[in-house]
PDB file of N, CA and C in Angstrom:
ATOM      1  N   MET A   1      79.551  86.189  75.203  1.00  0.00           N
ATOM      2  CA  MET A   1      80.325  87.238  75.814  1.00  0.00           C
ATOM      3  C   MET A   1      80.106  87.267  77.331  1.00  0.00           C
ATOM      4  N   ARG A   2      78.928  86.965  77.775  1.00  0.00           N
ATOM      5  CA  ARG A   2      78.661  86.971  79.205  1.00  0.00           C
ATOM      6  C   ARG A   2      79.414  85.843  79.919  1.00  0.00           C
ATOM      7  N   VAL A   3      79.612  84.729  79.253  1.00  0.00           N
ATOM      8  CA  VAL A   3      80.341  83.612  79.843  1.00  0.00           C
ATOM      9  C   VAL A   3      81.779  84.024  80.129  1.00  0.00           C
ATOM     10  N   THR A   4      82.408  84.773  79.246  1.00  0.00           N
ATOM     11  CA  THR A   4      83.794  85.205  79.449  1.00  0.00           C
ATOM     12  C   THR A   4      83.900  86.165  80.629  1.00  0.00           C
ATOM     13  N   LEU A   5      82.880  86.914  80.920  1.00  0.00           N
ATOM     14  CA  LEU A   5      82.904  87.792  82.080  1.00  0.00           C
ATOM     15  C   LEU A   5      82.759  87.002  83.384  1.00  0.00           C
ATOM     16  N   LEU A   6      82.047  85.898  83.346  1.00  0.00           N
ATOM     17  CA  LEU A   6      81.841  85.105  84.548  1.00  0.00           C
ATOM     18  C   LEU A   6      83.057  84.263  84.925  1.00  0.00           C
ATOM     19  N   ILE A   7      83.895  83.910  83.966  1.00  0.00           N
ATOM     20  CA  ILE A   7      85.058  83.070  84.260  1.00  0.00           C
ATOM     21  C   ILE A   7      86.013  83.760  85.239  1.00  0.00           C
ATOM     22  N   PRO A   8      86.420  85.019  85.020  1.00  0.00           N
ATOM     23  CA  PRO A   8      87.299  85.663  86.012  1.00  0.00           C
ATOM     24  C   PRO A   8      86.645  85.772  87.390  1.00  0.00           C
ATOM     25  N   ALA A   9      85.348  86.031  87.438  1.00  0.00           N
ATOM     26  CA  ALA A   9      84.661  86.127  88.723  1.00  0.00           C
ATOM     27  C   ALA A   9      84.653  84.777  89.430  1.00  0.00           C
ATOM     28  N   ALA A  10      84.466  83.699  88.697  1.00  0.00           N
ATOM     29  CA  ALA A  10      84.477  82.362  89.280  1.00  0.00           C
ATOM     30  C   ALA A  10      85.875  82.019  89.798  1.00  0.00           C
ATOM     31  N   LEU A  11      86.909  82.394  89.059  1.00  0.00           N
ATOM     32  CA  LEU A  11      88.285  82.143  89.498  1.00  0.00           C
ATOM     33  C   LEU A  11      88.601  82.880  90.793  1.00  0.00           C
ATOM     34  N   ILE A  12      88.124  84.089  90.900  1.00  0.00           N
ATOM     35  CA  ILE A  12      88.356  84.871  92.118  1.00  0.00           C
ATOM     36  C   ILE A  12      87.709  84.178  93.315  1.00  0.00           C
ATOM     37  N   LEU A  13      86.501  83.664  93.145  1.00  0.00           N
ATOM     38  CA  LEU A  13      85.815  82.977  94.240  1.00  0.00           C
ATOM     39  C   LEU A  13      86.524  81.680  94.621  1.00  0.00           C
ATOM     40  N   VAL A  14      87.046  80.943  93.643  1.00  0.00           N
ATOM     41  CA  VAL A  14      87.744  79.689  93.918  1.00  0.00           C
ATOM     42  C   VAL A  14      89.046  79.961  94.665  1.00  0.00           C
ATOM     43  N   VAL A  15      89.798  80.976  94.247  1.00  0.00           N
ATOM     44  CA  VAL A  15      91.073  81.308  94.877  1.00  0.00           C
ATOM     45  C   VAL A  15      90.846  81.924  96.256  1.00  0.00           C
ATOM     46  N   ALA A  16      89.806  82.695  96.429  1.00  0.00           N
ATOM     47  CA  ALA A  16      89.548  83.365  97.701  1.00  0.00           C
ATOM     48  C   ALA A  16      89.092  82.403  98.789  1.00  0.00           C
ATOM     49  N   GLY A  17      88.549  81.252  98.414  1.00  0.00           N
ATOM     50  CA  GLY A  17      88.062  80.294  99.399  1.00  0.00           C
ATOM     51  C   GLY A  17      89.140  79.812 100.361  1.00  0.00           C
ATOM     52  N   PRO A  18      90.261  79.249  99.872  1.00  0.00           N
ATOM     53  CA  PRO A  18      91.310  78.780 100.774  1.00  0.00           C
ATOM     54  C   PRO A  18      91.971  79.919 101.560  1.00  0.00           C
ATOM     55  N   ALA A  19      92.097  81.072 100.960  1.00  0.00           N
ATOM     56  CA  ALA A  19      92.739  82.191 101.646  1.00  0.00           C
ATOM     57  C   ALA A  19      91.895  82.666 102.827  1.00  0.00           C
ATOM     58  N   ARG A  20      90.590  82.521 102.739  1.00  0.00           N
ATOM     59  CA  ARG A  20      89.709  82.982 103.795  1.00  0.00           C
ATOM     60  C   ARG A  20      89.923  82.189 105.086  1.00  0.00           C
ATOM     61  N   GLY A  21      90.321  80.916 104.998  1.00  0.00           N
ATOM     62  CA  GLY A  21      90.523  80.091 106.176  1.00  0.00           C
ATOM     63  C   GLY A  21      91.792  80.434 106.936  1.00  0.00           C
ATOM     64  N   GLN A  22      92.669  81.238 106.349  1.00  0.00           N
ATOM     65  CA  GLN A  22      93.933  81.583 106.981  1.00  0.00           C
ATOM     66  C   GLN A  22      93.925  83.034 107.428  1.00  0.00           C
ATOM     67  N   GLU A  23      93.001  83.364 108.286  1.00  0.00           N
ATOM     68  CA  GLU A  23      92.889  84.741 108.748  1.00  0.00           C
ATOM     69  C   GLU A  23      94.015  85.077 109.708  1.00  0.00           C
ATOM     70  N   TRP A  24      94.556  86.247 109.550  1.00  0.00           N
ATOM     71  CA  TRP A  24      95.585  86.748 110.451  1.00  0.00           C
ATOM     72  C   TRP A  24      94.912  87.712 111.419  1.00  0.00           C
ATOM     73  N   ASN A  25      95.356  87.683 112.653  1.00  0.00           N
ATOM     74  CA  ASN A  25      94.778  88.537 113.672  1.00  0.00           C
ATOM     75  C   ASN A  25      95.802  89.548 114.142  1.00  0.00           C
ATOM     76  N   GLN A  26      95.328  90.725 114.425  1.00  0.00           N
ATOM     77  CA  GLN A  26      96.208  91.758 114.951  1.00  0.00           C
ATOM     78  C   GLN A  26      96.454  91.481 116.428  1.00  0.00           C
ATOM     79  N   TYR A  27      97.728  91.382 116.785  1.00  0.00           N
ATOM     80  CA  TYR A  27      98.106  91.165 118.188  1.00  0.00           C
ATOM     81  C   TYR A  27      98.704  92.461 118.719  1.00  0.00           C
ATOM     82  N   ASN A  28      98.214  92.903 119.860  1.00  0.00           N
ATOM     83  CA  ASN A  28      98.735  94.119 120.496  1.00  0.00           C
ATOM     84  C   ASN A  28      99.582  93.729 121.698  1.00  0.00           C
ATOM     85  N   GLY A  29     100.881  93.931 121.566  1.00  0.00           N
ATOM     86  CA  GLY A  29     101.791  93.673 122.673  1.00  0.00           C
ATOM     87  C   GLY A  29     101.797  94.890 123.581  1.00  0.00           C
ATOM     88  N   GLN A  30     100.791  95.008 124.433  1.00  0.00           N
ATOM     89  CA  GLN A  30     100.613  96.215 125.242  1.00  0.00           C
ATOM     90  C   GLN A  30     101.750  96.419 126.222  1.00  0.00           C
ATOM     91  N   GLN A  31     102.347  95.341 126.707  1.00  0.00           N
ATOM     92  CA  GLN A  31     103.449  95.460 127.650  1.00  0.00           C
ATOM     93  C   GLN A  31     104.671  96.106 126.983  1.00  0.00           C
ATOM     94  N   ASP A  32     104.858  95.825 125.694  1.00  0.00           N
ATOM     95  CA  ASP A  32     106.025  96.330 124.971  1.00  0.00           C
ATOM     96  C   ASP A  32     105.681  97.379 123.920  1.00  0.00           C
ATOM     97  N   PHE A  33     104.449  97.818 123.882  1.00  0.00           N
ATOM     98  CA  PHE A  33     103.996  98.921 123.025  1.00  0.00           C
ATOM     99  C   PHE A  33     104.225  98.669 121.532  1.00  0.00           C
ATOM    100  N   PHE A  34     103.687  97.570 121.016  1.00  0.00           N
ATOM    101  CA  PHE A  34     103.750  97.313 119.583  1.00  0.00           C
ATOM    102  C   PHE A  34     102.500  96.563 119.146  1.00  0.00           C
ATOM    103  N   SER A  35     102.312  96.522 117.844  1.00  0.00           N
ATOM    104  CA  SER A  35     101.195  95.806 117.259  1.00  0.00           C
ATOM    105  C   SER A  35     101.706  95.071 116.024  1.00  0.00           C
ATOM    106  N   VAL A  36     101.247  93.841 115.830  1.00  0.00           N
ATOM    107  CA  VAL A  36     101.713  93.032 114.699  1.00  0.00           C
ATOM    108  C   VAL A  36     100.612  92.050 114.310  1.00  0.00           C
ATOM    109  N   ASN A  37     100.631  91.610 113.076  1.00  0.00           N
ATOM    110  CA  ASN A  37      99.688  90.590 112.614  1.00  0.00           C
ATOM    111  C   ASN A  37     100.337  89.220 112.718  1.00  0.00           C
ATOM    112  N   PHE A  38      99.660  88.303 113.393  1.00  0.00           N
ATOM    113  CA  PHE A  38     100.108  86.920 113.524  1.00  0.00           C
ATOM    114  C   PHE A  38      98.991  86.010 113.038  1.00  0.00           C
ATOM    115  N   PRO A  39      99.327  84.792 112.549  1.00  0.00           N
ATOM    116  CA  PRO A  39      98.273  83.866 112.127  1.00  0.00           C
ATOM    117  C   PRO A  39      97.562  83.201 113.302  1.00  0.00           C
ATOM    118  N   ALA A  40      98.113  83.326 114.517  1.00  0.00           N
ATOM    119  CA  ALA A  40      97.501  82.752 115.729  1.00  0.00           C
ATOM    120  C   ALA A  40      98.017  83.527 116.933  1.00  0.00           C
ATOM    121  N   GLU A  41      97.526  83.182 118.107  1.00  0.00           N
ATOM    122  CA  GLU A  41      97.982  83.819 119.346  1.00  0.00           C
ATOM    123  C   GLU A  41      99.432  83.388 119.603  1.00  0.00           C
ATOM    124  N   PRO A  42     100.347  84.335 119.844  1.00  0.00           N
ATOM    125  CA  PRO A  42     101.755  83.957 120.032  1.00  0.00           C
ATOM    126  C   PRO A  42     102.046  83.430 121.436  1.00  0.00           C
ATOM    127  N   THR A  43     103.099  82.634 121.525  1.00  0.00           N
ATOM    128  CA  THR A  43     103.641  82.262 122.831  1.00  0.00           C
ATOM    129  C   THR A  43     104.662  83.338 123.183  1.00  0.00           C
ATOM    130  N   ILE A  44     104.773  83.648 124.468  1.00  0.00           N
ATOM    131  CA  ILE A  44     105.659  84.724 124.913  1.00  0.00           C
ATOM    132  C   ILE A  44     106.711  84.128 125.836  1.00  0.00           C
ATOM    133  N   ARG A  45     107.975  84.478 125.561  1.00  0.00           N
ATOM    134  CA  ARG A  45     109.078  83.958 126.372  1.00  0.00           C
ATOM    135  C   ARG A  45     109.985  85.114 126.767  1.00  0.00           C
ATOM    136  N   ASP A  46     110.305  85.212 128.050  1.00  0.00           N
ATOM    137  CA  ASP A  46     111.236  86.228 128.536  1.00  0.00           C
ATOM    138  C   ASP A  46     112.662  85.758 128.287  1.00  0.00           C
ATOM    139  N   ILE A  47     113.492  86.670 127.752  1.00  0.00           N
ATOM    140  CA  ILE A  47     114.898  86.368 127.483  1.00  0.00           C
ATOM    141  C   ILE A  47     115.735  87.569 127.897  1.00  0.00           C
ATOM    142  N   THR A  48     117.051  87.464 127.746  1.00  0.00           N
ATOM    143  CA  THR A  48     117.933  88.617 127.876  1.00  0.00           C
ATOM    144  C   THR A  48     118.580  88.845 126.523  1.00  0.00           C
ATOM    145  N   PHE A  49     118.921  90.085 126.254  1.00  0.00           N
ATOM    146  CA  PHE A  49     119.497  90.481 124.969  1.00  0.00           C
ATOM    147  C   PHE A  49     120.762  91.277 125.251  1.00  0.00           C
ATOM    148  N   GLU A  50     121.854  90.952 124.567  1.00  0.00           N
ATOM    149  CA  GLU A  50     123.081  91.711 124.746  1.00  0.00           C
ATOM    150  C   GLU A  50     123.140  92.809 123.695  1.00  0.00           C
ATOM    151  N   SER A  51     123.252  94.064 124.161  1.00  0.00           N
ATOM    152  CA  SER A  51     123.297  95.199 123.248  1.00  0.00           C
ATOM    153  C   SER A  51     124.662  95.272 122.564  1.00  0.00           C
ATOM    154  N   GLU A  52     124.776  96.163 121.618  1.00  0.00           N
ATOM    155  CA  GLU A  52     126.018  96.325 120.858  1.00  0.00           C
ATOM    156  C   GLU A  52     127.204  96.634 121.768  1.00  0.00           C
ATOM    157  N   TYR A  53     126.955  97.361 122.836  1.00  0.00           N
ATOM    158  CA  TYR A  53     128.026  97.759 123.743  1.00  0.00           C
ATOM    159  C   TYR A  53     128.058  96.932 125.019  1.00  0.00           C
ATOM    160  N   GLY A  54     127.508  95.731 124.968  1.00  0.00           N
ATOM    161  CA  GLY A  54     127.677  94.766 126.036  1.00  0.00           C
ATOM    162  C   GLY A  54     126.733  94.823 127.216  1.00  0.00           C
ATOM    163  N   LEU A  55     125.664  95.566 127.132  1.00  0.00           N
ATOM    164  CA  LEU A  55     124.686  95.560 128.220  1.00  0.00           C
ATOM    165  C   LEU A  55     123.777  94.336 128.092  1.00  0.00           C
ATOM    166  N   THR A  56     123.384  93.773 129.212  1.00  0.00           N
ATOM    167  CA  THR A  56     122.409  92.695 129.211  1.00  0.00           C
ATOM    168  C   THR A  56     121.057  93.302 129.547  1.00  0.00           C
ATOM    169  N   LEU A  57     120.155  93.282 128.565  1.00  0.00           N
ATOM    170  CA  LEU A  57     118.855  93.943 128.693  1.00  0.00           C
ATOM    171  C   LEU A  57     117.724  92.921 128.680  1.00  0.00           C
ATOM    172  N   PRO A  58     116.629  93.225 129.397  1.00  0.00           N
ATOM    173  CA  PRO A  58     115.474  92.314 129.366  1.00  0.00           C
ATOM    174  C   PRO A  58     114.759  92.411 128.021  1.00  0.00           C
ATOM    175  N   ALA A  59     114.242  91.274 127.572  1.00  0.00           N
ATOM    176  CA  ALA A  59     113.539  91.239 126.285  1.00  0.00           C
ATOM    177  C   ALA A  59     112.476  90.142 126.319  1.00  0.00           C
ATOM    178  N   ARG A  60     111.579  90.191 125.343  1.00  0.00           N
ATOM    179  CA  ARG A  60     110.548  89.162 125.188  1.00  0.00           C
ATOM    180  C   ARG A  60     110.483  88.743 123.729  1.00  0.00           C
ATOM    181  N   VAL A  61     110.279  87.446 123.519  1.00  0.00           N
ATOM    182  CA  VAL A  61     110.086  86.917 122.167  1.00  0.00           C
ATOM    183  C   VAL A  61     108.636  86.482 122.048  1.00  0.00           C
ATOM    184  N   TYR A  62     107.948  87.015 121.052  1.00  0.00           N
ATOM    185  CA  TYR A  62     106.569  86.651 120.728  1.00  0.00           C
ATOM    186  C   TYR A  62     106.663  85.760 119.492  1.00  0.00           C
ATOM    187  N   ARG A  63     106.182  84.515 119.594  1.00  0.00           N
ATOM    188  CA  ARG A  63     106.422  83.552 118.514  1.00  0.00           C
ATOM    189  C   ARG A  63     105.183  82.737 118.191  1.00  0.00           C
ATOM    190  N   VAL A  64     105.001  82.517 116.886  1.00  0.00           N
ATOM    191  CA  VAL A  64     103.955  81.630 116.390  1.00  0.00           C
ATOM    192  C   VAL A  64     104.607  80.695 115.384  1.00  0.00           C
ATOM    193  N   GLU A  65     104.331  79.404 115.534  1.00  0.00           N
ATOM    194  CA  GLU A  65     104.819  78.408 114.588  1.00  0.00           C
ATOM    195  C   GLU A  65     103.640  77.551 114.179  1.00  0.00           C
ATOM    196  N   ASP A  66     103.354  77.533 112.870  1.00  0.00           N
ATOM    197  CA  ASP A  66     102.253  76.707 112.386  1.00  0.00           C
ATOM    198  C   ASP A  66     102.622  76.141 111.022  1.00  0.00           C
ATOM    199  N   ALA A  67     101.652  75.571 110.335  1.00  0.00           N
ATOM    200  CA  ALA A  67     101.908  74.925 109.050  1.00  0.00           C
ATOM    201  C   ALA A  67     102.402  75.901 107.984  1.00  0.00           C
ATOM    202  N   THR A  68     102.073  77.184 108.136  1.00  0.00           N
ATOM    203  CA  THR A  68     102.479  78.157 107.118  1.00  0.00           C
ATOM    204  C   THR A  68     103.886  78.696 107.354  1.00  0.00           C
ATOM    205  N   GLY A  69     104.445  78.511 108.556  1.00  0.00           N
ATOM    206  CA  GLY A  69     105.796  78.991 108.807  1.00  0.00           C
ATOM    207  C   GLY A  69     106.035  79.366 110.256  1.00  0.00           C
ATOM    208  N   LYS A  70     107.178  80.032 110.474  1.00  0.00           N
ATOM    209  CA  LYS A  70     107.567  80.506 111.802  1.00  0.00           C
ATOM    210  C   LYS A  70     107.579  82.028 111.772  1.00  0.00           C
ATOM    211  N   TYR A  71     106.968  82.627 112.782  1.00  0.00           N
ATOM    212  CA  TYR A  71     106.867  84.079 112.866  1.00  0.00           C
ATOM    213  C   TYR A  71     107.271  84.502 114.267  1.00  0.00           C
ATOM    214  N   SER A  72     108.123  85.525 114.373  1.00  0.00           N
ATOM    215  CA  SER A  72     108.486  85.981 115.715  1.00  0.00           C
ATOM    216  C   SER A  72     108.825  87.461 115.719  1.00  0.00           C
ATOM    217  N   VAL A  73     108.614  88.064 116.879  1.00  0.00           N
ATOM    218  CA  VAL A  73     108.971  89.450 117.135  1.00  0.00           C
ATOM    219  C   VAL A  73     109.715  89.454 118.461  1.00  0.00           C
ATOM    220  N   THR A  74     110.868  90.135 118.493  1.00  0.00           N
ATOM    221  CA  THR A  74     111.619  90.285 119.738  1.00  0.00           C
ATOM    222  C   THR A  74     111.550  91.742 120.151  1.00  0.00           C
ATOM    223  N   ALA A  75     111.096  91.988 121.363  1.00  0.00           N
ATOM    224  CA  ALA A  75     110.999  93.348 121.903  1.00  0.00           C
ATOM    225  C   ALA A  75     112.023  93.480 123.028  1.00  0.00           C
ATOM    226  N   VAL A  76     112.960  94.424 122.865  1.00  0.00           N
ATOM    227  CA  VAL A  76     114.025  94.639 123.847  1.00  0.00           C
ATOM    228  C   VAL A  76     113.752  95.947 124.582  1.00  0.00           C
ATOM    229  N   ASP A  77     113.898  95.918 125.898  1.00  0.00           N
ATOM    230  CA  ASP A  77     113.643  97.087 126.737  1.00  0.00           C
ATOM    231  C   ASP A  77     114.941  97.887 126.935  1.00  0.00           C
ATOM    232  N   TYR A  78     115.064  98.993 126.222  1.00  0.00           N
ATOM    233  CA  TYR A  78     116.240  99.859 126.307  1.00  0.00           C
ATOM    234  C   TYR A  78     116.024 101.033 127.266  1.00  0.00           C
ATOM    235  N   THR A  79     114.954 101.037 128.039  1.00  0.00           N
ATOM    236  CA  THR A  79     114.640 102.215 128.861  1.00  0.00           C
ATOM    237  C   THR A  79     115.701 102.521 129.909  1.00  0.00           C
ATOM    238  N   GLN A  80     116.422 101.519 130.391  1.00  0.00           N
ATOM    239  CA  GLN A  80     117.443 101.743 131.413  1.00  0.00           C
ATOM    240  C   GLN A  80     118.864 101.738 130.842  1.00  0.00           C
ATOM    241  N   ALA A  81     119.012 101.681 129.524  1.00  0.00           N
ATOM    242  CA  ALA A  81     120.340 101.536 128.913  1.00  0.00           C
ATOM    243  C   ALA A  81     121.265 102.702 129.229  1.00  0.00           C
ATOM    244  N   GLU A  82     120.795 103.931 129.076  1.00  0.00           N
ATOM    245  CA  GLU A  82     121.677 105.086 129.340  1.00  0.00           C
ATOM    246  C   GLU A  82     122.093 105.121 130.809  1.00  0.00           C
ATOM    247  N   LYS A  83     121.178 104.814 131.702  1.00  0.00           N
ATOM    248  CA  LYS A  83     121.493 104.784 133.135  1.00  0.00           C
ATOM    249  C   LYS A  83     122.535 103.700 133.418  1.00  0.00           C
ATOM    250  N   MET A  84     122.385 102.539 132.805  1.00  0.00           N
ATOM    251  CA  MET A  84     123.331 101.448 133.002  1.00  0.00           C
ATOM    252  C   MET A  84     124.720 101.817 132.482  1.00  0.00           C
ATOM    253  N   HIS A  85     124.761 102.532 131.361  1.00  0.00           N
ATOM    254  CA  HIS A  85     126.050 102.981 130.826  1.00  0.00           C
ATOM    255  C   HIS A  85     126.704 104.007 131.757  1.00  0.00           C
ATOM    256  N   LEU A  86     125.909 104.903 132.324  1.00  0.00           N
ATOM    257  CA  LEU A  86     126.455 105.875 133.276  1.00  0.00           C
ATOM    258  C   LEU A  86     127.029 105.170 134.503  1.00  0.00           C
ATOM    259  N   GLU A  87     126.326 104.155 134.997  1.00  0.00           N
ATOM    260  CA  GLU A  87     126.821 103.397 136.144  1.00  0.00           C
ATOM    261  C   GLU A  87     128.118 102.667 135.801  1.00  0.00           C
ATOM    262  N   ARG A  88     128.180 102.109 134.608  1.00  0.00           N
ATOM    263  CA  ARG A  88     129.397 101.421 134.168  1.00  0.00           C
ATOM    264  C   ARG A  88     130.566 102.402 134.065  1.00  0.00           C
ATOM    265  N   GLN A  89     130.286 103.603 133.548  1.00  0.00           N
ATOM    266  CA  GLN A  89     131.318 104.627 133.419  1.00  0.00           C
ATOM    267  C   GLN A  89     131.819 105.060 134.801  1.00  0.00           C
ATOM    268  N   ALA A  90     130.913 105.245 135.755  1.00  0.00           N
ATOM    269  CA  ALA A  90     131.297 105.648 137.114  1.00  0.00           C
ATOM    270  C   ALA A  90     132.168 104.586 137.775  1.00  0.00           C
ATOM    271  N   LYS A  91     131.832 103.304 137.598  1.00  0.00           N
ATOM    272  CA  LYS A  91     132.647 102.222 138.159  1.00  0.00           C
ATOM    273  C   LYS A  91     134.036 102.199 137.533  1.00  0.00           C
ATOM    274  N   CYS A  92     134.109 102.455 136.242  1.00  0.00           N
ATOM    275  CA  CYS A  92     135.395 102.470 135.546  1.00  0.00           C
ATOM    276  C   CYS A  92     136.276 103.593 136.080  1.00  0.00           C
ATOM    277  N   LYS A  93     135.705 104.783 136.252  1.00  0.00           N
ATOM    278  CA  LYS A  93     136.472 105.921 136.777  1.00  0.00           C
ATOM    279  C   LYS A  93     136.892 105.677 138.220  1.00  0.00           C
ATOM    280  N   ALA A  94     136.007 105.071 139.019  1.00  0.00           N
ATOM    281  CA  ALA A  94     136.341 104.771 140.411  1.00  0.00           C
ATOM    282  C   ALA A  94     137.474 103.760 140.507  1.00  0.00           C
ATOM    283  N   ALA A  95     137.599 102.905 139.496  1.00  0.00           N
ATOM    284  CA  ALA A  95     138.668 101.908 139.478  1.00  0.00           C
ATOM    285  C   ALA A  95     139.970 102.471 138.916  1.00  0.00           C
ATOM    286  N   GLY A  96     139.990 103.775 138.596  1.00  0.00           N
ATOM    287  CA  GLY A  96     141.212 104.414 138.120  1.00  0.00           C
ATOM    288  C   GLY A  96     141.317 104.543 136.614  1.00  0.00           C
ATOM    289  N   GLY A  97     140.265 104.205 135.884  1.00  0.00           N
ATOM    290  CA  GLY A  97     140.293 104.340 134.431  1.00  0.00           C
ATOM    291  C   GLY A  97     140.130 105.794 134.023  1.00  0.00           C
ATOM    292  N   ASP A  98     140.591 106.126 132.834  1.00  0.00           N
ATOM    293  CA  ASP A  98     140.425 107.498 132.340  1.00  0.00           C
ATOM    294  C   ASP A  98     140.328 107.506 130.817  1.00  0.00           C
ATOM    295  N   GLY A  99     139.988 108.662 130.277  1.00  0.00           N
ATOM    296  CA  GLY A  99     139.934 108.846 128.828  1.00  0.00           C
ATOM    297  C   GLY A  99     138.989 107.889 128.140  1.00  0.00           C
ATOM    298  N   ASP A 100     139.468 107.331 127.037  1.00  0.00           N
ATOM    299  CA  ASP A 100     138.644 106.417 126.240  1.00  0.00           C
ATOM    300  C   ASP A 100     138.334 105.119 126.967  1.00  0.00           C
ATOM    301  N   GLN A 101     139.109 104.841 127.987  1.00  0.00           N
ATOM    302  CA  GLN A 101     138.880 103.627 128.753  1.00  0.00           C
ATOM    303  C   GLN A 101     137.509 103.651 129.429  1.00  0.00           C
ATOM    304  N   CYS A 102     137.056 104.822 129.821  1.00  0.00           N
ATOM    305  CA  CYS A 102     135.792 104.959 130.547  1.00  0.00           C
ATOM    306  C   CYS A 102     134.771 105.792 129.759  1.00  0.00           C
ATOM    307  N   ASN A 103     134.683 105.568 128.469  1.00  0.00           N
ATOM    308  CA  ASN A 103     133.705 106.340 127.700  1.00  0.00           C
ATOM    309  C   ASN A 103     132.289 105.860 127.991  1.00  0.00           C
ATOM    310  N   ASN A 104     131.309 106.644 127.546  1.00  0.00           N
ATOM    311  CA  ASN A 104     129.907 106.321 127.774  1.00  0.00           C
ATOM    312  C   ASN A 104     129.185 106.245 126.421  1.00  0.00           C
ATOM    313  N   PRO A 105     129.020 105.037 125.885  1.00  0.00           N
ATOM    314  CA  PRO A 105     128.346 104.890 124.601  1.00  0.00           C
ATOM    315  C   PRO A 105     126.823 104.749 124.723  1.00  0.00           C
ATOM    316  N   GLY A 106     126.241 105.245 125.801  1.00  0.00           N
ATOM    317  CA  GLY A 106     124.814 105.051 126.064  1.00  0.00           C
ATOM    318  C   GLY A 106     123.905 105.515 124.948  1.00  0.00           C
ATOM    319  N   ARG A 107     124.105 106.734 124.490  1.00  0.00           N
ATOM    320  CA  ARG A 107     123.217 107.247 123.428  1.00  0.00           C
ATOM    321  C   ARG A 107     123.437 106.509 122.115  1.00  0.00           C
ATOM    322  N   ALA A 108     124.689 106.186 121.815  1.00  0.00           N
ATOM    323  CA  ALA A 108     124.980 105.434 120.589  1.00  0.00           C
ATOM    324  C   ALA A 108     124.358 104.045 120.652  1.00  0.00           C
ATOM    325  N   ASP A 109     124.355 103.443 121.822  1.00  0.00           N
ATOM    326  CA  ASP A 109     123.765 102.114 121.985  1.00  0.00           C
ATOM    327  C   ASP A 109     122.267 102.151 121.692  1.00  0.00           C
ATOM    328  N   VAL A 110     121.589 103.174 122.203  1.00  0.00           N
ATOM    329  CA  VAL A 110     120.146 103.298 121.978  1.00  0.00           C
ATOM    330  C   VAL A 110     119.857 103.685 120.528  1.00  0.00           C
ATOM    331  N   ARG A 111     120.578 104.643 120.004  1.00  0.00           N
ATOM    332  CA  ARG A 111     120.328 105.099 118.630  1.00  0.00           C
ATOM    333  C   ARG A 111     120.617 104.023 117.595  1.00  0.00           C
ATOM    334  N   GLY A 112     121.621 103.208 117.854  1.00  0.00           N
ATOM    335  CA  GLY A 112     121.993 102.179 116.893  1.00  0.00           C
ATOM    336  C   GLY A 112     121.359 100.828 117.143  1.00  0.00           C
ATOM    337  N   ALA A 113     120.407 100.758 118.062  1.00  0.00           N
ATOM    338  CA  ALA A 113     119.821  99.470 118.454  1.00  0.00           C
ATOM    339  C   ALA A 113     119.178  98.734 117.280  1.00  0.00           C
ATOM    340  N   LEU A 114     118.428  99.429 116.469  1.00  0.00           N
ATOM    341  CA  LEU A 114     117.735  98.788 115.358  1.00  0.00           C
ATOM    342  C   LEU A 114     118.719  98.276 114.309  1.00  0.00           C
ATOM    343  N   VAL A 115     119.737  99.077 114.019  1.00  0.00           N
ATOM    344  CA  VAL A 115     120.745  98.670 113.034  1.00  0.00           C
ATOM    345  C   VAL A 115     121.520  97.462 113.557  1.00  0.00           C
ATOM    346  N   TYR A 116     121.903  97.501 114.835  1.00  0.00           N
ATOM    347  CA  TYR A 116     122.649  96.388 115.421  1.00  0.00           C
ATOM    348  C   TYR A 116     121.813  95.102 115.416  1.00  0.00           C
ATOM    349  N   ALA A 117     120.549  95.195 115.795  1.00  0.00           N
ATOM    350  CA  ALA A 117     119.678  94.013 115.808  1.00  0.00           C
ATOM    351  C   ALA A 117     119.499  93.464 114.392  1.00  0.00           C
ATOM    352  N   SER A 118     119.345  94.346 113.415  1.00  0.00           N
ATOM    353  CA  SER A 118     119.198  93.901 112.020  1.00  0.00           C
ATOM    354  C   SER A 118     120.471  93.217 111.543  1.00  0.00           C
ATOM    355  N   TRP A 119     121.607  93.805 111.838  1.00  0.00           N
ATOM    356  CA  TRP A 119     122.885  93.229 111.431  1.00  0.00           C
ATOM    357  C   TRP A 119     123.094  91.862 112.097  1.00  0.00           C
ATOM    358  N   SER A 120     122.762  91.750 113.355  1.00  0.00           N
ATOM    359  CA  SER A 120     122.899  90.474 114.069  1.00  0.00           C
ATOM    360  C   SER A 120     121.994  89.413 113.444  1.00  0.00           C
ATOM    361  N   PHE A 121     120.792  89.808 113.057  1.00  0.00           N
ATOM    362  CA  PHE A 121     119.852  88.885 112.419  1.00  0.00           C
ATOM    363  C   PHE A 121     120.398  88.417 111.070  1.00  0.00           C
ATOM    364  N   LEU A 122     120.943  89.333 110.275  1.00  0.00           N
ATOM    365  CA  LEU A 122     121.476  88.969 108.965  1.00  0.00           C
ATOM    366  C   LEU A 122     122.688  88.052 109.087  1.00  0.00           C
ATOM    367  N   LYS A 123     123.545  88.314 110.061  1.00  0.00           N
ATOM    368  CA  LYS A 123     124.719  87.454 110.255  1.00  0.00           C
ATOM    369  C   LYS A 123     124.311  86.051 110.671  1.00  0.00           C
ATOM    370  N   ARG A 124     123.235  85.930 111.427  1.00  0.00           N
ATOM    371  CA  ARG A 124     122.756  84.639 111.918  1.00  0.00           C
ATOM    372  C   ARG A 124     122.350  83.729 110.763  1.00  0.00           C
ATOM    373  N   GLY A 125     121.869  84.314 109.678  1.00  0.00           N
ATOM    374  CA  GLY A 125     121.406  83.526 108.538  1.00  0.00           C
ATOM    375  C   GLY A 125     122.515  82.938 107.689  1.00  0.00           C
ATOM    376  N   SER A 126     123.717  83.466 107.809  1.00  0.00           N
ATOM    377  CA  SER A 126     124.799  82.968 106.941  1.00  0.00           C
ATOM    378  C   SER A 126     125.592  81.842 107.562  1.00  0.00           C
TER     379      SER A 126
END
């Protein structure tokens, strides 16, 4: 009976050995205020991101590629989005636009950012 109790314990030790070599580390993206687990230190690349309503915003891609797969996080800076939309609206009105032609979707752009990014990601896969 004691042998049967030792078999599951031995299996746990055998399975846990390879998993121990693949430690994931918590990475704190202090510049972009996020935290994520990566299997290694990520490479960081500055890019631009087009929002749902056509703004070009600064962004960074944090990426790790190793034998286990590809992992990435994209952080987009929306802090100036509402201001940029207001400036766009003012230019439109100054050029003689009115009504729906010069609307300001600033708040909708910020509120819908996560949904838009998710939808864009899903479309990319098909």
